[in-house]
Structure formats: C-alpha cells, structure tokens
Amino acid sequence: MEVSNCDYQELGPDYLDKLQPLRLTTYLVKRLESLGHKVTLAQADQAA
C-alpha cells in the first residue's frame, strides 16, 4: 500500500455522473423507455 502526505478529498456522490453526462442521459432514457415511458428531453435553463 502506498502512503502519501496528501489529505483525502471526497469527490461527491455524483462524481462519476459528471464525468460522462451524455452517457448517463442516454442510459436513463433507454431505461425509462424499457419501462414503457415516452421520454422527451429539453435543455434546462442555465440562469440561476
């Protein structure tokens, strides 16, 4: 086991989702369609 002098940093629960957002979106759409739902997506507004 390698030991380093840097502190552990938690990346967050959605870290892997943010790496490939298009892949996640495609997967979730296909999953909903397989459950019998019709899926239509629209881009969310970026203003906050």
PDB file of N, CA and C in Angstrom:
ATOM      1  N   MET A   1       0.836  -1.175   0.000  1.00  0.00           N
ATOM      2  CA  MET A   1       0.000   0.000   0.000  1.00  0.00           C
ATOM      3  C   MET A   1       0.887   1.246   0.000  1.00  0.00           C
ATOM      4  N   GLU A   2       0.552   2.178  -0.886  1.00  0.00           N
ATOM      5  CA  GLU A   2       1.325   3.412  -0.977  1.00  0.00           C
ATOM      6  C   GLU A   2       0.758   4.452  -0.012  1.00  0.00           C
ATOM      7  N   VAL A   3       1.636   5.122   0.678  1.00  0.00           N
ATOM      8  CA  VAL A   3       1.221   6.153   1.622  1.00  0.00           C
ATOM      9  C   VAL A   3       1.734   7.488   1.106  1.00  0.00           C
ATOM     10  N   SER A   4       0.850   8.466   1.032  1.00  0.00           N
ATOM     11  CA  SER A   4       1.261   9.797   0.591  1.00  0.00           C
ATOM     12  C   SER A   4       0.895  10.813   1.670  1.00  0.00           C
ATOM     13  N   ASN A   5       1.441  11.983   1.548  1.00  0.00           N
ATOM     14  CA  ASN A   5       1.223  13.023   2.544  1.00  0.00           C
ATOM     15  C   ASN A   5       0.085  13.959   2.186  1.00  0.00           C
ATOM     16  N   CYS A   6      -0.750  13.607   1.222  1.00  0.00           N
ATOM     17  CA  CYS A   6      -1.870  14.474   0.876  1.00  0.00           C
ATOM     18  C   CYS A   6      -3.134  14.000   1.600  1.00  0.00           C
ATOM     19  N   ASP A   7      -3.989  14.954   1.881  1.00  0.00           N
ATOM     20  CA  ASP A   7      -5.241  14.650   2.559  1.00  0.00           C
ATOM     21  C   ASP A   7      -6.220  13.996   1.599  1.00  0.00           C
ATOM     22  N   TYR A   8      -7.099  13.178   2.130  1.00  0.00           N
ATOM     23  CA  TYR A   8      -8.145  12.538   1.337  1.00  0.00           C
ATOM     24  C   TYR A   8      -9.186  13.584   0.970  1.00  0.00           C
ATOM     25  N   GLN A   9      -9.632  13.572  -0.277  1.00  0.00           N
ATOM     26  CA  GLN A   9     -10.647  14.508  -0.719  1.00  0.00           C
ATOM     27  C   GLN A   9     -11.834  13.727  -1.276  1.00  0.00           C
ATOM     28  N   GLU A  10     -12.985  13.880  -0.651  1.00  0.00           N
ATOM     29  CA  GLU A  10     -14.204  13.226  -1.115  1.00  0.00           C
ATOM     30  C   GLU A  10     -14.644  13.888  -2.415  1.00  0.00           C
ATOM     31  N   LEU A  11     -14.913  13.095  -3.437  1.00  0.00           N
ATOM     32  CA  LEU A  11     -15.269  13.623  -4.747  1.00  0.00           C
ATOM     33  C   LEU A  11     -16.760  13.887  -4.895  1.00  0.00           C
ATOM     34  N   GLY A  12     -17.565  13.349  -4.019  1.00  0.00           N
ATOM     35  CA  GLY A  12     -19.000  13.595  -4.045  1.00  0.00           C
ATOM     36  C   GLY A  12     -19.769  12.433  -4.635  1.00  0.00           C
ATOM     37  N   PRO A  13     -21.045  12.347  -4.312  1.00  0.00           N
ATOM     38  CA  PRO A  13     -21.856  11.217  -4.755  1.00  0.00           C
ATOM     39  C   PRO A  13     -22.137  11.207  -6.253  1.00  0.00           C
ATOM     40  N   ASP A  14     -22.053  12.347  -6.918  1.00  0.00           N
ATOM     41  CA  ASP A  14     -22.344  12.404  -8.348  1.00  0.00           C
ATOM     42  C   ASP A  14     -21.085  12.590  -9.199  1.00  0.00           C
ATOM     43  N   TYR A  15     -19.940  12.307  -8.656  1.00  0.00           N
ATOM     44  CA  TYR A  15     -18.670  12.493  -9.366  1.00  0.00           C
ATOM     45  C   TYR A  15     -18.637  11.703 -10.674  1.00  0.00           C
ATOM     46  N   LEU A  16     -18.977  10.437 -10.622  1.00  0.00           N
ATOM     47  CA  LEU A  16     -18.928   9.603 -11.827  1.00  0.00           C
ATOM     48  C   LEU A  16     -19.986  10.027 -12.847  1.00  0.00           C
ATOM     49  N   ASP A  17     -21.132  10.523 -12.379  1.00  0.00           N
ATOM     50  CA  ASP A  17     -22.170  11.005 -13.292  1.00  0.00           C
ATOM     51  C   ASP A  17     -21.687  12.221 -14.079  1.00  0.00           C
ATOM     52  N   LYS A  18     -20.903  13.069 -13.454  1.00  0.00           N
ATOM     53  CA  LYS A  18     -20.415  14.284 -14.107  1.00  0.00           C
ATOM     54  C   LYS A  18     -19.299  13.998 -15.111  1.00  0.00           C
ATOM     55  N   LEU A  19     -18.658  12.863 -15.015  1.00  0.00           N
ATOM     56  CA  LEU A  19     -17.591  12.528 -15.955  1.00  0.00           C
ATOM     57  C   LEU A  19     -18.129  12.295 -17.359  1.00  0.00           C
ATOM     58  N   GLN A  20     -19.284  11.636 -17.460  1.00  0.00           N
ATOM     59  CA  GLN A  20     -19.874  11.322 -18.763  1.00  0.00           C
ATOM     60  C   GLN A  20     -21.380  11.585 -18.726  1.00  0.00           C
ATOM     61  N   PRO A  21     -21.780  12.862 -18.717  1.00  0.00           N
ATOM     62  CA  PRO A  21     -23.208  13.178 -18.575  1.00  0.00           C
ATOM     63  C   PRO A  21     -24.065  12.680 -19.742  1.00  0.00           C
ATOM     64  N   LEU A  22     -23.532  12.719 -20.969  1.00  0.00           N
ATOM     65  CA  LEU A  22     -24.309  12.248 -22.113  1.00  0.00           C
ATOM     66  C   LEU A  22     -24.564  10.751 -22.024  1.00  0.00           C
ATOM     67  N   ARG A  23     -23.573  10.019 -21.609  1.00  0.00           N
ATOM     68  CA  ARG A  23     -23.723   8.567 -21.451  1.00  0.00           C
ATOM     69  C   ARG A  23     -24.782   8.244 -20.393  1.00  0.00           C
ATOM     70  N   LEU A  24     -24.776   8.975 -19.295  1.00  0.00           N
ATOM     71  CA  LEU A  24     -25.767   8.767 -18.236  1.00  0.00           C
ATOM     72  C   LEU A  24     -27.166   9.107 -18.735  1.00  0.00           C
ATOM     73  N   THR A  25     -27.296  10.219 -19.465  1.00  0.00           N
ATOM     74  CA  THR A  25     -28.596  10.624 -20.001  1.00  0.00           C
ATOM     75  C   THR A  25     -29.150   9.557 -20.936  1.00  0.00           C
ATOM     76  N   THR A  26     -28.306   9.069 -21.835  1.00  0.00           N
ATOM     77  CA  THR A  26     -28.726   8.029 -22.774  1.00  0.00           C
ATOM     78  C   THR A  26     -29.176   6.776 -22.042  1.00  0.00           C
ATOM     79  N   TYR A  27     -28.415   6.376 -21.040  1.00  0.00           N
ATOM     80  CA  TYR A  27     -28.767   5.191 -20.267  1.00  0.00           C
ATOM     81  C   TYR A  27     -30.118   5.361 -19.578  1.00  0.00           C
ATOM     82  N   LEU A  28     -30.327   6.517 -18.952  1.00  0.00           N
ATOM     83  CA  LEU A  28     -31.571   6.736 -18.211  1.00  0.00           C
ATOM     84  C   LEU A  28     -32.780   6.823 -19.139  1.00  0.00           C
ATOM     85  N   VAL A  29     -32.613   7.428 -20.316  1.00  0.00           N
ATOM     86  CA  VAL A  29     -33.705   7.484 -21.289  1.00  0.00           C
ATOM     87  C   VAL A  29     -34.071   6.078 -21.737  1.00  0.00           C
ATOM     88  N   LYS A  30     -33.077   5.282 -22.085  1.00  0.00           N
ATOM     89  CA  LYS A  30     -33.345   3.898 -22.506  1.00  0.00           C
ATOM     90  C   LYS A  30     -34.009   3.098 -21.393  1.00  0.00           C
ATOM     91  N   ARG A  31     -33.595   3.337 -20.171  1.00  0.00           N
ATOM     92  CA  ARG A  31     -34.178   2.625 -19.024  1.00  0.00           C
ATOM     93  C   ARG A  31     -35.647   2.977 -18.862  1.00  0.00           C
ATOM     94  N   LEU A  32     -35.971   4.261 -18.949  1.00  0.00           N
ATOM     95  CA  LEU A  32     -37.373   4.682 -18.840  1.00  0.00           C
ATOM     96  C   LEU A  32     -38.209   4.142 -19.997  1.00  0.00           C
ATOM     97  N   GLU A  33     -37.640   4.159 -21.203  1.00  0.00           N
ATOM     98  CA  GLU A  33     -38.371   3.617 -22.354  1.00  0.00           C
ATOM     99  C   GLU A  33     -38.616   2.125 -22.208  1.00  0.00           C
ATOM    100  N   SER A  34     -37.682   1.420 -21.621  1.00  0.00           N
ATOM    101  CA  SER A  34     -37.871  -0.018 -21.416  1.00  0.00           C
ATOM    102  C   SER A  34     -38.962  -0.298 -20.385  1.00  0.00           C
ATOM    103  N   LEU A  35     -39.255   0.683 -19.560  1.00  0.00           N
ATOM    104  CA  LEU A  35     -40.327   0.545 -18.578  1.00  0.00           C
ATOM    105  C   LEU A  35     -41.669   1.025 -19.121  1.00  0.00           C
ATOM    106  N   GLY A  36     -41.698   1.419 -20.400  1.00  0.00           N
ATOM    107  CA  GLY A  36     -42.944   1.790 -21.050  1.00  0.00           C
ATOM    108  C   GLY A  36     -43.233   3.275 -21.081  1.00  0.00           C
ATOM    109  N   HIS A  37     -42.264   4.111 -20.784  1.00  0.00           N
ATOM    110  CA  HIS A  37     -42.464   5.558 -20.793  1.00  0.00           C
ATOM    111  C   HIS A  37     -41.995   6.154 -22.117  1.00  0.00           C
ATOM    112  N   LYS A  38     -42.666   7.228 -22.528  1.00  0.00           N
ATOM    113  CA  LYS A  38     -42.211   8.007 -23.674  1.00  0.00           C
ATOM    114  C   LYS A  38     -41.415   9.173 -23.101  1.00  0.00           C
ATOM    115  N   VAL A  39     -40.193   9.349 -23.570  1.00  0.00           N
ATOM    116  CA  VAL A  39     -39.296  10.338 -22.984  1.00  0.00           C
ATOM    117  C   VAL A  39     -39.007  11.440 -23.993  1.00  0.00           C
ATOM    118  N   THR A  40     -39.215  12.685 -23.562  1.00  0.00           N
ATOM    119  CA  THR A  40     -38.853  13.859 -24.347  1.00  0.00           C
ATOM    120  C   THR A  40     -37.999  14.740 -23.455  1.00  0.00           C
ATOM    121  N   LEU A  41     -36.834  15.112 -23.946  1.00  0.00           N
ATOM    122  CA  LEU A  41     -35.918  15.930 -23.154  1.00  0.00           C
ATOM    123  C   LEU A  41     -35.842  17.338 -23.727  1.00  0.00           C
ATOM    124  N   ALA A  42     -35.688  18.309 -22.826  1.00  0.00           N
ATOM    125  CA  ALA A  42     -35.470  19.700 -23.204  1.00  0.00           C
ATOM    126  C   ALA A  42     -34.343  20.235 -22.340  1.00  0.00           C
ATOM    127  N   GLN A  43     -33.502  21.073 -22.915  1.00  0.00           N
ATOM    128  CA  GLN A  43     -32.381  21.655 -22.192  1.00  0.00           C
ATOM    129  C   GLN A  43     -32.897  22.551 -21.071  1.00  0.00           C
ATOM    130  N   ALA A  44     -32.360  22.412 -19.886  1.00  0.00           N
ATOM    131  CA  ALA A  44     -32.739  23.243 -18.755  1.00  0.00           C
ATOM    132  C   ALA A  44     -32.102  24.614 -18.896  1.00  0.00           C
ATOM    133  N   ASP A  45     -32.764  25.644 -18.386  1.00  0.00           N
ATOM    134  CA  ASP A  45     -32.200  26.983 -18.394  1.00  0.00           C
ATOM    135  C   ASP A  45     -30.990  27.041 -17.493  1.00  0.00           C
ATOM    136  N   GLN A  46     -29.953  27.745 -17.918  1.00  0.00           N
ATOM    137  CA  GLN A  46     -28.720  27.847 -17.150  1.00  0.00           C
ATOM    138  C   GLN A  46     -28.744  29.021 -16.184  1.00  0.00           C
ATOM    139  N   ALA A  47     -29.738  29.899 -16.268  1.00  0.00           N
ATOM    140  CA  ALA A  47     -29.799  31.049 -15.362  1.00  0.00           C
ATOM    141  C   ALA A  47     -30.133  30.601 -13.947  1.00  0.00           C
ATOM    142  N   ALA A  48     -29.353  31.079 -13.017  1.00  0.00           N
ATOM    143  CA  ALA A  48     -29.599  30.708 -11.610  1.00  0.00           C
ATOM    144  C   ALA A  48     -29.410  31.912 -10.718  1.00  0.00           C
TER     145      ALA A  48
END
